[in-house]
């Protein structure tokens, strides 16, 4: 009976670790003001470019997403490379001009709200 309890305790800890993406942090920020809605959500750590307009790296199993009104950007670590999804479209590694502009706005919104200030 004791072995079953130990097994169940270990299984519960493993399940929690998996659910939490192996202990990585998960943060959600939602702001509604002046007719503008911003939702930022990230898991793990995201590192921005020096100019504050792009993403340099994302920690393993990490992601960052930003919705500004009806524009949505998701960036994820995919085996060491960053893949983006714009407005629910397919995943891509290279952004067009619209995607680059949205990424720059999203990064600025994340920095403004303190993301990455605690490296």
N, C-alpha and C. Protein backbone atom coordinates (compact mmCIF):
# COMPACT_ATOMS: atom_id res chain seq x y z
N UNK A 1 0.82 -1.19 0.00
CA UNK A 1 0.00 0.00 0.00
C UNK A 1 0.87 1.27 0.00
N UNK A 2 1.95 1.23 0.76
CA UNK A 2 2.84 2.39 0.85
C UNK A 2 3.49 2.66 -0.51
N UNK A 3 3.85 1.61 -1.26
CA UNK A 3 4.46 1.79 -2.57
C UNK A 3 3.47 2.45 -3.53
N UNK A 4 2.21 2.10 -3.45
CA UNK A 4 1.19 2.71 -4.31
C UNK A 4 1.07 4.20 -3.99
N UNK A 5 1.09 4.56 -2.72
CA UNK A 5 1.02 5.97 -2.32
C UNK A 5 2.24 6.74 -2.81
N UNK A 6 3.41 6.13 -2.72
CA UNK A 6 4.62 6.79 -3.19
C UNK A 6 4.56 6.98 -4.71
N UNK A 7 4.10 5.96 -5.40
CA UNK A 7 3.97 6.05 -6.85
C UNK A 7 2.99 7.15 -7.23
N UNK A 8 1.87 7.24 -6.55
CA UNK A 8 0.87 8.26 -6.84
C UNK A 8 1.42 9.66 -6.57
N UNK A 9 2.20 9.80 -5.49
CA UNK A 9 2.79 11.10 -5.18
C UNK A 9 3.79 11.52 -6.26
N UNK A 10 4.61 10.59 -6.71
CA UNK A 10 5.59 10.88 -7.76
C UNK A 10 4.86 11.21 -9.07
N UNK A 11 3.82 10.47 -9.40
CA UNK A 11 3.05 10.72 -10.62
C UNK A 11 2.41 12.11 -10.57
N UNK A 12 1.90 12.51 -9.40
CA UNK A 12 1.28 13.83 -9.26
C UNK A 12 2.30 14.94 -9.47
N UNK A 13 3.50 14.78 -8.91
CA UNK A 13 4.55 15.78 -9.08
C UNK A 13 4.95 15.88 -10.55
N UNK A 14 5.09 14.76 -11.22
CA UNK A 14 5.46 14.76 -12.64
C UNK A 14 4.38 15.44 -13.48
N UNK A 15 3.12 15.17 -13.17
CA UNK A 15 2.02 15.79 -13.89
C UNK A 15 2.04 17.30 -13.70
N UNK A 16 2.25 17.75 -12.48
CA UNK A 16 2.32 19.19 -12.21
C UNK A 16 3.50 19.83 -12.94
N UNK A 17 4.63 19.17 -12.94
CA UNK A 17 5.80 19.71 -13.64
C UNK A 17 5.54 19.83 -15.13
N UNK A 18 4.89 18.86 -15.71
CA UNK A 18 4.56 18.89 -17.13
C UNK A 18 3.55 19.99 -17.41
N UNK A 19 2.55 20.10 -16.56
CA UNK A 19 1.52 21.13 -16.75
C UNK A 19 2.11 22.52 -16.65
N UNK A 20 3.14 22.69 -15.88
CA UNK A 20 3.78 24.01 -15.70
C UNK A 20 4.93 24.21 -16.67
N UNK A 21 5.04 23.39 -17.69
CA UNK A 21 6.14 23.45 -18.66
C UNK A 21 7.47 23.37 -17.95
N UNK A 22 7.61 22.37 -17.12
CA UNK A 22 8.85 22.07 -16.42
C UNK A 22 9.31 23.23 -15.54
N UNK A 23 8.37 23.85 -14.87
CA UNK A 23 8.72 24.88 -13.90
C UNK A 23 8.92 26.26 -14.48
N UNK A 24 8.76 26.43 -15.80
CA UNK A 24 8.92 27.74 -16.40
C UNK A 24 7.77 28.66 -15.98
N UNK A 25 8.05 29.95 -16.01
CA UNK A 25 7.01 30.87 -15.59
C UNK A 25 5.98 31.09 -16.70
N UNK A 26 4.78 31.44 -16.29
CA UNK A 26 3.70 31.73 -17.21
C UNK A 26 3.03 33.01 -16.72
N UNK A 27 2.99 34.02 -17.57
CA UNK A 27 2.44 35.31 -17.19
C UNK A 27 1.43 35.75 -18.23
N UNK A 28 0.31 36.32 -17.76
CA UNK A 28 -0.69 36.90 -18.65
C UNK A 28 -1.00 38.31 -18.16
N UNK A 29 -1.02 39.26 -19.08
CA UNK A 29 -1.35 40.65 -18.79
C UNK A 29 -2.46 41.05 -19.75
N UNK A 30 -3.56 41.58 -19.21
CA UNK A 30 -4.65 42.07 -20.05
C UNK A 30 -4.95 43.50 -19.63
N UNK A 31 -5.02 44.38 -20.62
CA UNK A 31 -5.28 45.79 -20.34
C UNK A 31 -6.33 46.30 -21.32
N UNK A 32 -7.37 46.91 -20.79
CA UNK A 32 -8.41 47.54 -21.60
C UNK A 32 -8.46 49.01 -21.20
N UNK A 33 -8.13 49.91 -22.11
CA UNK A 33 -8.17 51.34 -21.80
C UNK A 33 -8.35 52.13 -23.08
N UNK A 34 -9.15 53.16 -22.99
CA UNK A 34 -9.34 54.09 -24.12
C UNK A 34 -9.72 53.37 -25.42
N UNK A 35 -10.57 52.37 -25.33
CA UNK A 35 -11.01 51.65 -26.51
C UNK A 35 -9.96 50.75 -27.13
N UNK A 36 -8.90 50.47 -26.40
CA UNK A 36 -7.79 49.65 -26.90
C UNK A 36 -7.59 48.47 -25.96
N UNK A 37 -7.47 47.29 -26.52
CA UNK A 37 -7.26 46.08 -25.73
C UNK A 37 -5.90 45.49 -26.07
N UNK A 38 -5.12 45.22 -25.02
CA UNK A 38 -3.82 44.57 -25.20
C UNK A 38 -3.79 43.36 -24.29
N UNK A 39 -3.46 42.20 -24.86
CA UNK A 39 -3.28 40.98 -24.07
C UNK A 39 -1.90 40.42 -24.39
N UNK A 40 -1.11 40.23 -23.35
CA UNK A 40 0.24 39.69 -23.50
C UNK A 40 0.31 38.43 -22.67
N UNK A 41 0.85 37.38 -23.25
CA UNK A 41 1.01 36.12 -22.53
C UNK A 41 2.34 35.52 -22.91
N UNK A 42 3.08 35.06 -21.91
CA UNK A 42 4.35 34.42 -22.23
C UNK A 42 4.67 33.32 -21.24
N UNK A 43 5.40 32.35 -21.75
CA UNK A 43 5.92 31.22 -20.97
C UNK A 43 7.42 31.21 -21.15
N UNK A 44 8.12 30.96 -20.05
CA UNK A 44 9.57 30.95 -20.13
C UNK A 44 10.11 32.35 -20.27
N UNK A 45 11.24 32.50 -20.95
CA UNK A 45 11.90 33.79 -21.09
C UNK A 45 12.05 34.15 -22.56
N UNK A 46 11.78 35.39 -22.87
CA UNK A 46 11.95 35.92 -24.22
C UNK A 46 13.00 37.01 -24.16
N UNK A 47 13.94 36.98 -25.09
CA UNK A 47 15.02 37.95 -25.15
C UNK A 47 14.83 38.80 -26.40
N UNK A 48 14.81 40.12 -26.22
CA UNK A 48 14.55 41.03 -27.32
C UNK A 48 15.84 41.51 -27.96
N UNK A 49 15.73 41.98 -29.19
CA UNK A 49 16.87 42.56 -29.89
C UNK A 49 17.24 43.90 -29.24
N UNK A 50 18.45 44.35 -29.47
CA UNK A 50 18.94 45.59 -28.87
C UNK A 50 18.08 46.80 -29.22
N UNK A 51 17.54 46.82 -30.45
CA UNK A 51 16.74 47.97 -30.87
C UNK A 51 15.31 47.91 -30.33
N UNK A 52 14.95 46.82 -29.63
CA UNK A 52 13.61 46.71 -29.05
C UNK A 52 12.50 46.52 -30.06
N UNK A 53 12.84 45.94 -31.22
CA UNK A 53 11.85 45.75 -32.27
C UNK A 53 11.67 44.30 -32.69
N UNK A 54 12.43 43.41 -32.07
CA UNK A 54 12.37 42.01 -32.47
C UNK A 54 12.67 41.08 -31.31
N UNK A 55 12.61 39.80 -31.60
CA UNK A 55 12.90 38.77 -30.61
C UNK A 55 14.20 38.09 -31.02
N UNK A 56 15.15 38.09 -30.10
CA UNK A 56 16.45 37.48 -30.35
C UNK A 56 16.42 35.98 -30.05
N UNK A 57 15.74 35.60 -28.95
CA UNK A 57 15.68 34.19 -28.55
C UNK A 57 14.52 33.98 -27.58
N UNK A 58 14.08 32.74 -27.51
CA UNK A 58 13.05 32.31 -26.56
C UNK A 58 13.57 31.04 -25.90
N UNK A 59 13.39 30.95 -24.59
CA UNK A 59 13.87 29.77 -23.87
C UNK A 59 13.17 28.50 -24.37
N UNK A 60 13.80 27.33 -24.19
CA UNK A 60 13.18 26.08 -24.62
C UNK A 60 11.78 25.93 -24.02
N UNK A 61 10.84 25.45 -24.81
CA UNK A 61 9.44 25.27 -24.44
C UNK A 61 8.74 26.60 -24.17
N UNK A 62 9.37 27.72 -24.55
CA UNK A 62 8.81 29.03 -24.27
C UNK A 62 8.03 29.59 -25.44
N UNK A 63 7.22 30.61 -25.13
CA UNK A 63 6.45 31.31 -26.15
C UNK A 63 6.09 32.69 -25.64
N UNK A 64 5.76 33.55 -26.57
CA UNK A 64 5.27 34.89 -26.25
C UNK A 64 4.17 35.22 -27.24
N UNK A 65 3.08 35.78 -26.73
CA UNK A 65 2.01 36.20 -27.64
C UNK A 65 1.53 37.57 -27.23
N UNK A 66 1.08 38.32 -28.21
CA UNK A 66 0.58 39.67 -27.97
C UNK A 66 -0.58 39.91 -28.92
N UNK A 67 -1.70 40.33 -28.34
CA UNK A 67 -2.87 40.73 -29.12
C UNK A 67 -3.09 42.21 -28.87
N UNK A 68 -3.16 42.97 -29.94
CA UNK A 68 -3.43 44.40 -29.87
C UNK A 68 -4.68 44.63 -30.70
N UNK A 69 -5.79 44.86 -30.01
CA UNK A 69 -7.10 44.93 -30.64
C UNK A 69 -7.34 43.64 -31.43
N UNK A 70 -7.37 43.69 -32.75
CA UNK A 70 -7.65 42.48 -33.52
C UNK A 70 -6.41 41.86 -34.15
N UNK A 71 -5.23 42.40 -33.87
CA UNK A 71 -3.98 41.85 -34.40
C UNK A 71 -3.36 40.90 -33.38
N UNK A 72 -3.00 39.70 -33.83
CA UNK A 72 -2.43 38.68 -32.95
C UNK A 72 -1.09 38.20 -33.47
N UNK A 73 -0.13 38.12 -32.57
CA UNK A 73 1.19 37.59 -32.90
C UNK A 73 1.56 36.56 -31.85
N UNK A 74 2.01 35.39 -32.30
CA UNK A 74 2.52 34.36 -31.41
C UNK A 74 3.92 34.01 -31.88
N UNK A 75 4.86 33.95 -30.94
CA UNK A 75 6.24 33.54 -31.24
C UNK A 75 6.58 32.39 -30.31
N UNK A 76 7.18 31.33 -30.87
CA UNK A 76 7.51 30.14 -30.07
C UNK A 76 8.91 29.66 -30.40
N UNK A 77 9.51 28.99 -29.41
CA UNK A 77 10.78 28.31 -29.64
C UNK A 77 10.44 26.95 -30.26
N UNK A 78 10.95 26.70 -31.44
CA UNK A 78 10.74 25.42 -32.13
C UNK A 78 12.11 24.81 -32.38
N UNK A 79 12.57 24.01 -31.42
CA UNK A 79 13.88 23.37 -31.52
C UNK A 79 15.00 24.38 -31.76
N UNK A 80 14.97 25.49 -31.01
CA UNK A 80 16.04 26.47 -31.09
C UNK A 80 15.83 27.59 -32.08
N UNK A 81 14.82 27.51 -32.91
CA UNK A 81 14.54 28.61 -33.83
C UNK A 81 13.20 29.23 -33.44
N UNK A 82 13.01 30.48 -33.80
CA UNK A 82 11.77 31.17 -33.47
C UNK A 82 10.82 31.04 -34.66
N UNK A 83 9.60 30.59 -34.37
CA UNK A 83 8.56 30.54 -35.38
C UNK A 83 7.44 31.49 -34.95
N UNK A 84 6.85 32.14 -35.94
CA UNK A 84 5.82 33.14 -35.70
C UNK A 84 4.51 32.68 -36.33
N UNK A 85 3.43 33.13 -35.71
CA UNK A 85 2.10 32.95 -36.28
C UNK A 85 1.41 34.30 -36.19
N UNK A 86 0.97 34.82 -37.32
CA UNK A 86 0.32 36.13 -37.39
C UNK A 86 -1.16 35.94 -37.68
N UNK A 87 -2.00 36.47 -36.80
CA UNK A 87 -3.46 36.45 -36.98
C UNK A 87 -4.00 35.07 -37.34
N UNK A 88 -3.49 34.05 -36.69
CA UNK A 88 -4.00 32.70 -36.88
C UNK A 88 -3.54 32.02 -38.16
N UNK A 89 -2.64 32.65 -38.90
CA UNK A 89 -2.12 32.03 -40.13
C UNK A 89 -1.14 30.93 -39.78
N UNK A 90 -0.52 30.36 -40.76
CA UNK A 90 0.43 29.28 -40.53
C UNK A 90 1.71 29.76 -39.87
N UNK A 91 2.45 28.81 -39.34
CA UNK A 91 3.73 29.13 -38.70
C UNK A 91 4.77 29.46 -39.76
N UNK A 92 5.60 30.45 -39.43
CA UNK A 92 6.62 30.90 -40.37
C UNK A 92 7.85 31.40 -39.62
N UNK A 93 8.98 31.35 -40.27
CA UNK A 93 10.21 31.84 -39.65
C UNK A 93 10.59 33.22 -40.17
N UNK A 94 10.14 33.58 -41.36
CA UNK A 94 10.43 34.88 -41.94
C UNK A 94 9.15 35.70 -42.03
N UNK A 95 9.23 36.95 -41.58
CA UNK A 95 8.05 37.81 -41.57
C UNK A 95 8.09 38.80 -42.73
N UNK A 96 6.90 39.08 -43.28
CA UNK A 96 6.80 40.14 -44.28
C UNK A 96 6.78 41.48 -43.56
N UNK A 97 6.63 42.57 -44.31
CA UNK A 97 6.67 43.90 -43.70
C UNK A 97 5.60 44.08 -42.64
N UNK A 98 4.38 43.60 -42.91
CA UNK A 98 3.30 43.70 -41.92
C UNK A 98 3.66 42.93 -40.65
N UNK A 99 4.19 41.73 -40.80
CA UNK A 99 4.59 40.92 -39.65
C UNK A 99 5.69 41.57 -38.84
N UNK A 100 6.66 42.17 -39.52
CA UNK A 100 7.75 42.86 -38.83
C UNK A 100 7.23 44.07 -38.04
N UNK A 101 6.28 44.80 -38.63
CA UNK A 101 5.70 45.96 -37.95
C UNK A 101 4.90 45.52 -36.73
N UNK A 102 4.13 44.43 -36.87
CA UNK A 102 3.35 43.90 -35.75
C UNK A 102 4.28 43.38 -34.66
N UNK A 103 5.35 42.71 -35.04
CA UNK A 103 6.33 42.22 -34.06
C UNK A 103 6.94 43.38 -33.30
N UNK A 104 7.31 44.45 -33.98
CA UNK A 104 7.90 45.62 -33.32
C UNK A 104 6.90 46.23 -32.33
N UNK A 105 5.62 46.35 -32.73
CA UNK A 105 4.61 46.89 -31.81
C UNK A 105 4.43 45.98 -30.61
N UNK A 106 4.40 44.66 -30.85
CA UNK A 106 4.21 43.70 -29.76
C UNK A 106 5.38 43.75 -28.78
N UNK A 107 6.60 43.80 -29.29
CA UNK A 107 7.78 43.86 -28.42
C UNK A 107 7.73 45.13 -27.58
N UNK A 108 7.37 46.26 -28.20
CA UNK A 108 7.27 47.51 -27.45
C UNK A 108 6.21 47.43 -26.35
N UNK A 109 5.09 46.78 -26.64
CA UNK A 109 4.04 46.60 -25.63
C UNK A 109 4.54 45.73 -24.47
N UNK A 110 5.28 44.68 -24.79
CA UNK A 110 5.81 43.80 -23.74
C UNK A 110 6.84 44.53 -22.88
N UNK A 111 7.73 45.29 -23.52
CA UNK A 111 8.75 46.02 -22.77
C UNK A 111 8.08 47.07 -21.89
N UNK A 112 7.09 47.77 -22.43
CA UNK A 112 6.38 48.81 -21.68
C UNK A 112 5.75 48.26 -20.40
N UNK A 113 5.35 46.99 -20.43
CA UNK A 113 4.69 46.38 -19.28
C UNK A 113 5.66 45.55 -18.42
N UNK A 114 6.96 45.72 -18.65
CA UNK A 114 7.94 45.14 -17.77
C UNK A 114 8.44 43.76 -18.13
N UNK A 115 8.00 43.19 -19.26
CA UNK A 115 8.52 41.87 -19.63
C UNK A 115 10.00 42.00 -19.95
N UNK A 116 10.76 41.05 -19.47
CA UNK A 116 12.20 40.97 -19.70
C UNK A 116 12.99 41.98 -18.86
N UNK A 117 12.34 42.63 -17.90
CA UNK A 117 13.08 43.58 -17.07
C UNK A 117 13.79 42.88 -15.92
N UNK A 118 13.51 41.58 -15.74
CA UNK A 118 14.10 40.83 -14.63
C UNK A 118 15.04 39.73 -15.10
N UNK A 119 15.68 39.89 -16.23
CA UNK A 119 16.58 38.87 -16.78
C UNK A 119 17.37 38.31 -15.67
